[in-house]
C-alpha atoms as a PDB file:
ATOM      1  CA  MET A   1      84.440 -39.725 274.154  1.00  0.00           C
ATOM      2  CA  PHE A   2      87.399 -37.737 272.682  1.00  0.00           C
ATOM      3  CA  ALA A   3      85.349 -35.555 270.715  1.00  0.00           C
ATOM      4  CA  SER A   4      82.748 -34.580 273.433  1.00  0.00           C
ATOM      5  CA  ASN A   5      82.719 -31.003 275.356  1.00  0.00           C
ATOM      6  CA  PRO A   6      82.177 -31.966 279.069  1.00  0.00           C
ATOM      7  CA  PHE A   7      81.243 -28.418 279.459  1.00  0.00           C
ATOM      8  CA  ALA A   8      78.049 -28.785 277.578  1.00  0.00           C
ATOM      9  CA  GLU A   9      77.341 -32.081 279.111  1.00  0.00           C
ATOM     10  CA  ILE A  10      77.829 -30.166 282.803  1.00  0.00           C
ATOM     11  CA  SER A  11      74.952 -26.940 281.734  1.00  0.00           C
ATOM     12  CA  ALA A  12      72.030 -29.063 282.883  1.00  0.00           C
ATOM     13  CA  SER A  13      73.296 -28.566 286.026  1.00  0.00           C
ATOM     14  CA  ILE A  14      75.418 -25.623 286.318  1.00  0.00           C
ATOM     15  CA  ALA A  15      74.146 -22.560 284.257  1.00  0.00           C
ATOM     16  CA  PRO A  16      76.803 -21.878 281.264  1.00  0.00           C
ATOM     17  CA  ALA A  17      76.393 -17.906 282.710  1.00  0.00           C
ATOM     18  CA  VAL A  18      78.266 -18.979 285.840  1.00  0.00           C
ATOM     19  CA  MET A  19      81.044 -20.997 283.889  1.00  0.00           C
ATOM     20  CA  GLN A  20      81.536 -18.069 281.495  1.00  0.00           C
ATOM     21  CA  TRP A  21      81.672 -15.682 284.660  1.00  0.00           C
ATOM     22  CA  TYR A  22      84.407 -17.998 286.222  1.00  0.00           C
ATOM     23  CA  VAL A  23      86.535 -17.991 283.026  1.00  0.00           C
ATOM     24  CA  VAL A  24      86.564 -14.037 283.419  1.00  0.00           C
ATOM     25  CA  ALA A  25      87.376 -13.955 286.937  1.00  0.00           C
ATOM     26  CA  MET A  26      90.029 -16.340 286.080  1.00  0.00           C
ATOM     27  CA  ILE A  27      91.542 -13.826 283.461  1.00  0.00           C
ATOM     28  CA  VAL A  28      91.217 -10.348 285.948  1.00  0.00           C
ATOM     29  CA  LEU A  29      93.462 -12.592 288.725  1.00  0.00           C
ATOM     30  CA  VAL A  30      96.048 -13.383 285.938  1.00  0.00           C
ATOM     31  CA  ILE A  31      95.840  -9.735 285.211  1.00  0.00           C
ATOM     32  CA  ALA A  32      95.756  -8.377 288.668  1.00  0.00           C
ATOM     33  CA  GLY A  33      98.357 -10.976 290.146  1.00  0.00           C
ATOM     34  CA  THR A  34     101.373 -10.481 287.251  1.00  0.00           C
ATOM     35  CA  LEU A  35     100.386  -6.616 287.959  1.00  0.00           C
ATOM     36  CA  PHE A  36     101.436  -7.070 291.395  1.00  0.00           C
ATOM     37  CA  ASP A  37     103.788  -9.404 290.581  1.00  0.00           C
ATOM     38  CA  VAL A  38     105.897  -6.510 288.312  1.00  0.00           C
ATOM     39  CA  ILE A  39     105.096  -4.114 290.669  1.00  0.00           C
ATOM     40  CA  HIS A  40     106.076  -5.793 293.959  1.00  0.00           C
ATOM     41  CA  LYS A  41     109.663  -7.639 292.498  1.00  0.00           C
ATOM     42  CA  GLY A  42     110.127  -4.145 290.035  1.00  0.00           C
ATOM     43  CA  SER A  43     110.851  -6.252 287.159  1.00  0.00           C
ATOM     44  CA  ALA A  44     109.679  -3.768 284.617  1.00  0.00           C
ATOM     45  CA  LYS A  45     111.282  -0.418 286.607  1.00  0.00           C
ATOM     46  CA  TYR A  46     114.555  -3.316 285.847  1.00  0.00           C
ATOM     47  CA  PHE A  47     114.043  -4.073 282.984  1.00  0.00           C
ATOM     48  CA  PHE A  48     113.893  -0.365 281.362  1.00  0.00           C
ATOM     49  CA  GLU A  49     116.415   1.417 283.097  1.00  0.00           C
ATOM     50  CA  ASN A  50     118.719  -1.978 282.523  1.00  0.00           C
ATOM     51  CA  MET A  51     117.468  -1.548 278.234  1.00  0.00           C
ATOM     52  CA  ARG A  52     118.397   2.655 278.760  1.00  0.00           C
ATOM     53  CA  SER A  53     121.346   1.631 280.293  1.00  0.00           C
ATOM     54  CA  SER A  54     122.313  -0.670 277.500  1.00  0.00           C
ATOM     55  CA  LYS A  55     121.429   1.832 274.948  1.00  0.00           C
ATOM     56  CA  GLY A  56     123.549   4.364 276.296  1.00  0.00           C
ATOM     57  CA  LYS A  57     126.261   1.984 277.154  1.00  0.00           C
ATOM     58  CA  GLY A  58     125.898   0.317 273.331  1.00  0.00           C
ATOM     59  CA  ALA A  59     129.672   0.759 271.431  1.00  0.00           C
ATOM     60  CA  ARG A  60     127.303   1.387 268.245  1.00  0.00           C
ATOM     61  CA  PRO A  61     123.286   1.527 267.117  1.00  0.00           C
ATOM     62  CA  VAL A  62     121.045  -1.043 266.614  1.00  0.00           C
ATOM     63  CA  GLY A  63     118.876  -0.027 263.791  1.00  0.00           C
ATOM     64  CA  GLY A  64     115.057  -0.351 263.337  1.00  0.00           C
ATOM     65  CA  GLY A  65     115.327  -3.456 260.837  1.00  0.00           C
ATOM     66  CA  GLU A  66     118.377  -5.125 263.391  1.00  0.00           C
ATOM     67  CA  LEU A  67     115.674  -4.614 266.067  1.00  0.00           C
ATOM     68  CA  MET A  68     112.776  -5.970 263.806  1.00  0.00           C
ATOM     69  CA  SER A  69     115.198  -9.240 263.152  1.00  0.00           C
ATOM     70  CA  ILE A  70     116.112  -9.301 266.433  1.00  0.00           C
ATOM     71  CA  ALA A  71     112.270  -9.180 267.705  1.00  0.00           C
ATOM     72  CA  VAL A  72     112.048 -12.409 265.323  1.00  0.00           C
ATOM     73  CA  GLN A  73     114.537 -13.773 266.473  1.00  0.00           C
ATOM     74  CA  THR A  74     113.235 -13.791 269.910  1.00  0.00           C
ATOM     75  CA  GLY A  75     109.785 -14.799 269.353  1.00  0.00           C
ATOM     76  CA  VAL A  76     111.064 -17.937 266.733  1.00  0.00           C
ATOM     77  CA  VAL A  77     114.142 -19.002 269.179  1.00  0.00           C
ATOM     78  CA  ASP A  78     113.253 -18.367 273.132  1.00  0.00           C
ATOM     79  CA  VAL A  79     109.603 -18.035 272.186  1.00  0.00           C
ATOM     80  CA  LEU A  80     108.377 -20.611 270.255  1.00  0.00           C
ATOM     81  CA  THR A  81     111.203 -23.198 270.863  1.00  0.00           C
ATOM     82  CA  SER A  82     112.396 -22.587 273.790  1.00  0.00           C
ATOM     83  CA  GLY A  83     115.994 -22.440 272.594  1.00  0.00           C
ATOM     84  CA  GLU A  84     117.732 -21.710 275.751  1.00  0.00           C
ATOM     85  CA  PHE A  85     117.478 -25.080 277.044  1.00  0.00           C
ATOM     86  CA  CYS A  86     120.175 -27.117 276.330  1.00  0.00           C
ATOM     87  CA  ASN A  87     119.488 -30.161 277.754  1.00  0.00           C
ATOM     88  CA  GLN A  88     116.746 -31.375 274.945  1.00  0.00           C
ATOM     89  CA  ARG A  89     114.853 -33.445 277.527  1.00  0.00           C
ATOM     90  CA  ARG A  90     114.120 -31.051 279.390  1.00  0.00           C
ATOM     91  CA  ARG A  91     113.602 -28.466 276.480  1.00  0.00           C
ATOM     92  CA  LEU A  92     110.953 -31.026 274.988  1.00  0.00           C
ATOM     93  CA  ALA A  93     109.463 -31.351 278.401  1.00  0.00           C
ATOM     94  CA  HIS A  94     108.725 -27.843 278.391  1.00  0.00           C
ATOM     95  CA  LEU A  95     107.354 -27.397 274.946  1.00  0.00           C
ATOM     96  CA  LEU A  96     104.696 -29.864 275.383  1.00  0.00           C
ATOM     97  CA  THR A  97     103.302 -28.658 278.662  1.00  0.00           C
ATOM     98  CA  MET A  98     103.332 -25.404 276.952  1.00  0.00           C
ATOM     99  CA  TYR A  99     101.470 -26.157 273.903  1.00  0.00           C
ATOM    100  CA  GLY A 100      99.776 -27.762 275.827  1.00  0.00           C
ATOM    101  CA  PHE A 101      98.620 -25.331 278.265  1.00  0.00           C
ATOM    102  CA  VAL A 102      97.796 -23.303 275.425  1.00  0.00           C
ATOM    103  CA  LEU A 103      95.621 -25.778 272.978  1.00  0.00           C
ATOM    104  CA  TYR A 104      93.876 -26.463 276.975  1.00  0.00           C
ATOM    105  CA  LEU A 105      93.118 -23.125 277.493  1.00  0.00           C
ATOM    106  CA  VAL A 106      92.068 -21.808 274.231  1.00  0.00           C
ATOM    107  CA  THR A 107      89.805 -24.909 273.318  1.00  0.00           C
ATOM    108  CA  THR A 108      88.037 -24.219 277.377  1.00  0.00           C
ATOM    109  CA  VAL A 109      87.284 -20.757 276.547  1.00  0.00           C
ATOM    110  CA  ILE A 110      86.248 -22.097 272.970  1.00  0.00           C
ATOM    111  CA  MET A 111      83.905 -24.821 274.198  1.00  0.00           C
ATOM    112  CA  ILE A 112      82.754 -22.780 277.172  1.00  0.00           C
ATOM    113  CA  PHE A 113      81.717 -19.148 275.264  1.00  0.00           C
ATOM    114  CA  GLY A 114      80.939 -20.633 271.735  1.00  0.00           C
ATOM    115  CA  TYR A 115      79.095 -24.333 273.032  1.00  0.00           C
ATOM    116  CA  PRO A 116      78.202 -24.285 276.237  1.00  0.00           C
ATOM    117  CA  THR A 117      75.151 -26.242 275.955  1.00  0.00           C
ATOM    118  CA  PRO A 118      74.571 -29.712 273.957  1.00  0.00           C
ATOM    119  CA  ALA A 119      71.855 -27.534 271.399  1.00  0.00           C
ATOM    120  CA  THR A 120      75.037 -26.305 270.631  1.00  0.00           C
ATOM    121  CA  PRO A 121      77.458 -29.403 269.834  1.00  0.00           C
ATOM    122  CA  ALA A 122      80.960 -27.722 269.406  1.00  0.00           C
ATOM    123  CA  PRO A 123      82.726 -29.437 266.385  1.00  0.00           C
ATOM    124  CA  ALA A 124      84.810 -32.719 267.006  1.00  0.00           C
ATOM    125  CA  ILE A 125      88.108 -30.735 266.125  1.00  0.00           C
ATOM    126  CA  VAL A 126      87.872 -28.373 269.096  1.00  0.00           C
ATOM    127  CA  ALA A 127      87.007 -31.193 271.951  1.00  0.00           C
ATOM    128  CA  ALA A 128      89.834 -33.107 270.187  1.00  0.00           C
ATOM    129  CA  LEU A 129      92.442 -30.484 271.029  1.00  0.00           C
ATOM    130  CA  TRP A 130      91.149 -29.650 274.861  1.00  0.00           C
ATOM    131  CA  TRP A 131      91.605 -33.378 275.235  1.00  0.00           C
ATOM    132  CA  LEU A 132      94.744 -33.834 273.179  1.00  0.00           C
ATOM    133  CA  GLY A 133      96.118 -30.276 274.926  1.00  0.00           C
ATOM    134  CA  ALA A 134      94.965 -31.505 278.861  1.00  0.00           C
ATOM    135  CA  LEU A 135      96.956 -34.668 278.066  1.00  0.00           C
ATOM    136  CA  MET A 136     100.575 -33.089 276.946  1.00  0.00           C
ATOM    137  CA  VAL A 137     100.532 -30.973 279.994  1.00  0.00           C
ATOM    138  CA  CYS A 138     100.218 -34.237 282.105  1.00  0.00           C
ATOM    139  CA  VAL A 139     102.516 -35.800 279.329  1.00  0.00           C
ATOM    140  CA  GLY A 140     104.978 -32.743 280.056  1.00  0.00           C
ATOM    141  CA  GLY A 141     104.599 -32.165 283.549  1.00  0.00           C
ATOM    142  CA  TYR A 142     104.946 -35.233 284.900  1.00  0.00           C
ATOM    143  CA  TRP A 143     108.363 -35.953 282.896  1.00  0.00           C
ATOM    144  CA  PHE A 144     109.734 -33.221 283.853  1.00  0.00           C
ATOM    145  CA  TRP A 145     108.695 -33.326 287.631  1.00  0.00           C
ATOM    146  CA  PHE A 146     109.495 -37.115 287.969  1.00  0.00           C
ATOM    147  CA  PHE A 147     112.350 -38.142 285.402  1.00  0.00           C
ATOM    148  CA  ILE A 148     113.952 -34.776 284.574  1.00  0.00           C
ATOM    149  CA  ARG A 149     113.475 -32.354 288.166  1.00  0.00           C
ATOM    150  CA  VAL A 150     114.455 -35.224 290.391  1.00  0.00           C
ATOM    151  CA  ASP A 151     118.065 -35.198 288.678  1.00  0.00           C
ATOM    152  CA  VAL A 152     118.994 -32.605 291.492  1.00  0.00           C
ATOM    153  CA  ALA A 153     122.417 -34.633 292.419  1.00  0.00           C
ATOM    154  CA  ALA A 154     124.697 -31.251 291.422  1.00  0.00           C
ATOM    155  CA  GLU A 155     123.018 -29.157 294.109  1.00  0.00           C
ATOM    156  CA  GLY A 156     122.300 -31.833 296.666  1.00  0.00           C
ATOM    157  CA  LYS A 157     118.560 -31.122 297.068  1.00  0.00           C
ATOM    158  CA  PRO A 158     116.031 -33.748 297.878  1.00  0.00           C
ATOM    159  CA  ALA A 159     114.870 -34.941 294.831  1.00  0.00           C
ATOM    160  CA  LEU A 160     110.900 -34.269 295.100  1.00  0.00           C
ATOM    161  CA  ARG A 161     111.731 -30.569 297.360  1.00  0.00           C
ATOM    162  CA  VAL A 162     108.462 -28.462 296.779  1.00  0.00           C
ATOM    163  CA  MET A 163     109.323 -24.525 296.827  1.00  0.00           C
ATOM    164  CA  ARG A 164     106.667 -21.751 296.206  1.00  0.00           C
ATOM    165  CA  ALA A 165     108.007 -20.958 292.504  1.00  0.00           C
ATOM    166  CA  ASP A 166     106.306 -24.858 291.796  1.00  0.00           C
ATOM    167  CA  LEU A 167     103.104 -23.646 292.549  1.00  0.00           C
ATOM    168  CA  PHE A 168     102.473 -22.761 288.570  1.00  0.00           C
ATOM    169  CA  VAL A 169     103.693 -26.100 287.489  1.00  0.00           C
ATOM    170  CA  ILE A 170     101.994 -28.125 290.387  1.00  0.00           C
ATOM    171  CA  SER A 171      98.331 -26.764 290.230  1.00  0.00           C
ATOM    172  CA  LEU A 172      98.706 -26.930 286.376  1.00  0.00           C
ATOM    173  CA  MET A 173      99.321 -30.766 286.090  1.00  0.00           C
ATOM    174  CA  VAL A 174      96.909 -31.324 289.155  1.00  0.00           C
ATOM    175  CA  SER A 175      94.388 -29.137 287.412  1.00  0.00           C
ATOM    176  CA  ALA A 176      94.995 -30.901 283.959  1.00  0.00           C
ATOM    177  CA  THR A 177      94.601 -34.175 285.436  1.00  0.00           C
ATOM    178  CA  LEU A 178      91.285 -33.888 287.343  1.00  0.00           C
ATOM    179  CA  GLY A 179      90.062 -32.028 284.224  1.00  0.00           C
ATOM    180  CA  LEU A 180      90.771 -35.164 282.137  1.00  0.00           C
ATOM    181  CA  ILE A 181      89.238 -37.538 284.634  1.00  0.00           C
ATOM    182  CA  TRP A 182      86.123 -35.040 285.518  1.00  0.00           C
ATOM    183  CA  ALA A 183      85.535 -34.809 282.086  1.00  0.00           C
ATOM    184  CA  ALA A 184      85.991 -38.765 281.033  1.00  0.00           C
ATOM    185  CA  LEU A 185      83.090 -39.489 284.237  1.00  0.00           C
ATOM    186  CA  GLN A 186      80.946 -36.671 283.000  1.00  0.00           C
ATOM    187  CA  VAL A 187      80.853 -37.919 279.665  1.00  0.00           C
ATOM    188  CA  ASN A 188      80.251 -41.010 280.783  1.00  0.00           C
ATOM    189  CA  GLY A 189      77.421 -40.115 282.805  1.00  0.00           C
ATOM    190  CA  SER A 190      79.553 -42.165 286.149  1.00  0.00           C
ATOM    191  CA  ALA A 191      79.135 -42.006 289.513  1.00  0.00           C
ATOM    192  CA  GLY A 192      82.311 -38.818 290.651  1.00  0.00           C
ATOM    193  CA  ALA A 193      81.650 -36.690 288.235  1.00  0.00           C
ATOM    194  CA  GLY A 194      80.114 -33.983 290.840  1.00  0.00           C
ATOM    195  CA  LEU A 195      83.537 -34.462 293.064  1.00  0.00           C
ATOM    196  CA  PHE A 196      86.133 -34.569 290.520  1.00  0.00           C
ATOM    197  CA  PHE A 197      84.344 -31.586 288.865  1.00  0.00           C
ATOM    198  CA  VAL A 198      84.660 -29.570 292.495  1.00  0.00           C
ATOM    199  CA  LEU A 199      88.118 -30.562 292.904  1.00  0.00           C
ATOM    200  CA  TYR A 200      88.963 -29.312 289.109  1.00  0.00           C
ATOM    201  CA  ILE A 201      87.782 -25.987 289.775  1.00  0.00           C
ATOM    202  CA  ILE A 202      89.415 -25.695 293.400  1.00  0.00           C
ATOM    203  CA  ALA A 203      92.532 -26.874 291.176  1.00  0.00           C
ATOM    204  CA  THR A 204      92.018 -24.640 288.541  1.00  0.00           C
ATOM    205  CA  THR A 205      91.209 -21.740 291.087  1.00  0.00           C
ATOM    206  CA  VAL A 206      94.879 -21.927 292.511  1.00  0.00           C
ATOM    207  CA  LEU A 207      96.301 -21.844 289.198  1.00  0.00           C
ATOM    208  CA  PHE A 208      95.068 -18.336 288.330  1.00  0.00           C
ATOM    209  CA  ALA A 209      94.673 -17.153 291.573  1.00  0.00           C
ATOM    210  CA  GLY A 210      98.056 -18.110 292.571  1.00  0.00           C
ATOM    211  CA  VAL A 211     100.246 -16.078 289.820  1.00  0.00           C
ATOM    212  CA  PRO A 212     101.936 -13.729 292.873  1.00  0.00           C
ATOM    213  CA  TRP A 213     103.026 -16.651 294.302  1.00  0.00           C
ATOM    214  CA  SER A 214     104.005 -18.949 291.485  1.00  0.00           C
ATOM    215  CA  LYS A 215     106.124 -18.978 288.645  1.00  0.00           C
ATOM    216  CA  PHE A 216     103.453 -17.892 286.704  1.00  0.00           C
ATOM    217  CA  ALA A 217     104.086 -14.536 285.010  1.00  0.00           C
ATOM    218  CA  HIS A 218     107.242 -15.259 284.684  1.00  0.00           C
ATOM    219  CA  MET A 219     105.827 -16.288 280.914  1.00  0.00           C
ATOM    220  CA  PHE A 220     105.121 -12.948 280.449  1.00  0.00           C
ATOM    221  CA  PHE A 221     108.091 -11.738 281.139  1.00  0.00           C
ATOM    222  CA  LYS A 222     110.762 -13.800 280.212  1.00  0.00           C
ATOM    223  CA  PRO A 223     110.108 -12.989 276.085  1.00  0.00           C
ATOM    224  CA  ALA A 224     111.001  -8.852 277.087  1.00  0.00           C
ATOM    225  CA  ALA A 225     113.627  -9.955 279.252  1.00  0.00           C
ATOM    226  CA  ALA A 226     115.042 -12.486 276.309  1.00  0.00           C
ATOM    227  CA  PHE A 227     114.812  -9.394 273.893  1.00  0.00           C
ATOM    228  CA  GLU A 228     116.991  -7.247 275.941  1.00  0.00           C
ATOM    229  CA  LYS A 229     119.627 -10.037 276.137  1.00  0.00           C
ATOM    230  CA  ARG A 230     119.937 -10.099 272.489  1.00  0.00           C
ATOM    231  CA  VAL A 231     119.622  -6.260 272.245  1.00  0.00           C
ATOM    232  CA  SER A 232     122.319  -5.752 274.530  1.00  0.00           C
ATOM    233  CA  GLU A 233     124.395  -8.563 272.380  1.00  0.00           C
ATOM    234  CA  ALA A 234     124.255  -7.025 269.218  1.00  0.00           C
ATOM    235  CA  ASN A 235     125.160  -3.377 270.897  1.00  0.00           C
ATOM    236  CA  GLY A 236     128.680  -4.388 272.312  1.00  0.00           C
ATOM    237  CA  THR A 237     127.330  -3.747 275.905  1.00  0.00           C
ATOM    238  CA  ALA A 238     126.066  -7.444 276.827  1.00  0.00           C
ATOM    239  CA  ALA A 239     125.249  -6.256 280.361  1.00  0.00           C
ATOM    240  CA  ASN A 240     129.024  -5.558 281.030  1.00  0.00           C
ATOM    241  CA  LEU A 241     129.813  -9.418 280.679  1.00  0.00           C
ATOM    242  CA  PRO A 242     132.673 -10.556 278.806  1.00  0.00           C
ATOM    243  CA  THR A 243     131.814 -12.587 276.242  1.00  0.00           C
ATOM    244  CA  GLN A 244     132.517 -15.556 273.996  1.00  0.00           C
ATOM    245  CA  THR A 245     132.336 -15.103 270.528  1.00  0.00           C
ATOM    246  CA  ARG A 246     129.578 -17.366 269.051  1.00  0.00           C
ATOM    247  CA  ASP A 247     131.345 -17.424 265.550  1.00  0.00           C
ATOM    248  CA  ASP A 248     134.373 -19.375 266.972  1.00  0.00           C
ATOM    249  CA  PRO A 249     133.451 -23.145 268.061  1.00  0.00           C
ATOM    250  CA  GLU A 250     137.243 -24.148 267.904  1.00  0.00           C
ATOM    251  CA  GLN A 251     137.502 -20.801 270.703  1.00  0.00           C
ATOM    252  CA  GLN A 252     134.554 -22.227 272.542  1.00  0.00           C
ATOM    253  CA  GLN A 253     135.488 -25.730 272.877  1.00  0.00           C
ATOM    254  CA  ARG A 254     139.218 -24.663 273.430  1.00  0.00           C
ATOM    255  CA  HIS A 255     137.947 -22.784 276.393  1.00  0.00           C
ATOM    256  CA  SER A 256     135.666 -25.060 277.864  1.00  0.00           C
ATOM    257  CA  MET A 257     138.641 -27.663 277.999  1.00  0.00           C
ATOM    258  CA  GLU A 258     140.591 -25.413 280.307  1.00  0.00           C
ATOM    259  CA  LEU A 259     138.034 -24.917 282.234  1.00  0.00           C
ATOM    260  CA  LEU A 260     137.448 -28.331 282.732  1.00  0.00           C
ATOM    261  CA  ARG A 261     141.549 -29.197 283.069  1.00  0.00           C
ATOM    262  CA  ASP A 262     141.147 -26.582 285.932  1.00  0.00           C
ATOM    263  CA  ALA A 263     138.773 -27.175 288.086  1.00  0.00           C
ATOM    264  CA  PRO A 264     139.563 -29.888 290.739  1.00  0.00           C
ATOM    265  CA  MET A 265     137.963 -33.611 290.396  1.00  0.00           C
ATOM    266  CA  ASN A 266     136.148 -34.261 293.790  1.00  0.00           C
ATOM    267  CA  MET A 267     134.710 -30.047 294.312  1.00  0.00           C
ATOM    268  CA  GLY A 268     135.915 -30.997 298.019  1.00  0.00           C
ATOM    269  CA  LEU A 269     133.564 -33.326 298.352  1.00  0.00           C
ATOM    270  CA  GLY A 270     135.680 -36.743 298.499  1.00  0.00           C
ATOM    271  CA  ILE A 271     133.722 -37.911 295.205  1.00  0.00           C
ATOM    272  CA  LYS A 272     134.871 -37.585 291.546  1.00  0.00           C
ATOM    273  CA  ARG A 273     132.557 -35.257 289.453  1.00  0.00           C
ATOM    274  CA  GLU A 274     130.228 -36.217 287.112  1.00  0.00           C
ATOM    275  CA  ALA A 275     129.343 -35.136 283.659  1.00  0.00           C
ATOM    276  CA  PRO A 276     127.181 -31.861 283.586  1.00  0.00           C
ATOM    277  CA  ARG A 277     123.718 -33.962 282.684  1.00  0.00           C
ATOM    278  CA  HIS A 278     121.134 -32.213 284.799  1.00  0.00           C
ATOM    279  CA  TYR A 279     120.140 -28.724 283.001  1.00  0.00           C
END
C-alpha cells in the first residue's frame, strides 16, 4: 500500500488535467494570500524600515562576508533546525510537522504532474515519501495540539481554545488525516473513498485559501525576521534593547537567579508559581 500512488488510482474518474489545474490554483492562492497578508499587516514595510534603521544606528558596519555567515547561520539554526524553540518537545513536534509538510507537498506535486495515471507508475520511493510525510504531519501536529499546546496553565487559557491563527495547523492536520484515510481506501478499492476524497479536497482548499487568516505566511516572513535580528545583534543595535552577552554563561545564570529571587512566589494568585515548562 505504501508504494502505491493514490492520485494515479483516481485518474479513472477524475482527469489528471483537473488535478493539475487544482494544484496550480492552490499555488496561486498561496502567492496571492501571502502578498495580501504582507501588504495588509505592513510586514514588509516594517522589515525594510527596521533594516535601514538598524544599519544607520549600528555601532559598527557588518561586511559582506559576515552577512553571508549570518545568512548561513539563519538558514541552518533558525530555519532547518528551528533553533528558536527552547522547549525540545515543541521543537521536535515542529520539525516533524515542518519536514512532513514539505515531503507531503513536494511528493504530491511530483505524483500529480509526473505520474498522473497507472500507465506511468511512480517510483516506490516517491509514493512512500508521500505516505511518510502525511504521517509525520499527523504525528507532529497531534502531538503539539493535544500534548504540548494544552499545557497552557501559565496563561490561564482553556486547553482547547481555538484562535484564527490556528487555522493553518488545524487545516493541515485535517488535510493530512483525510488524505491518508482516502488514500488507504482508494488503493484498496474500498467503499467511501469518494466521500473522503471530497472531504480531503475541502480541507486542502481551506489550508491554502486561508492564508490571509492563518499563520501560513509566517513561514515566509520568519526567516527574514530571524536574519534581521542576527544582523542587529552583530552591528550592535539589537533593536534598541539591552542585551545580555551570550559568551558569559555565568553572567546569564547569575542574572536568572536574581530575577527568580526577586519575583513573588504566588504572582498575586494565591498559588505557588510553577516551573516555566510551557515554551
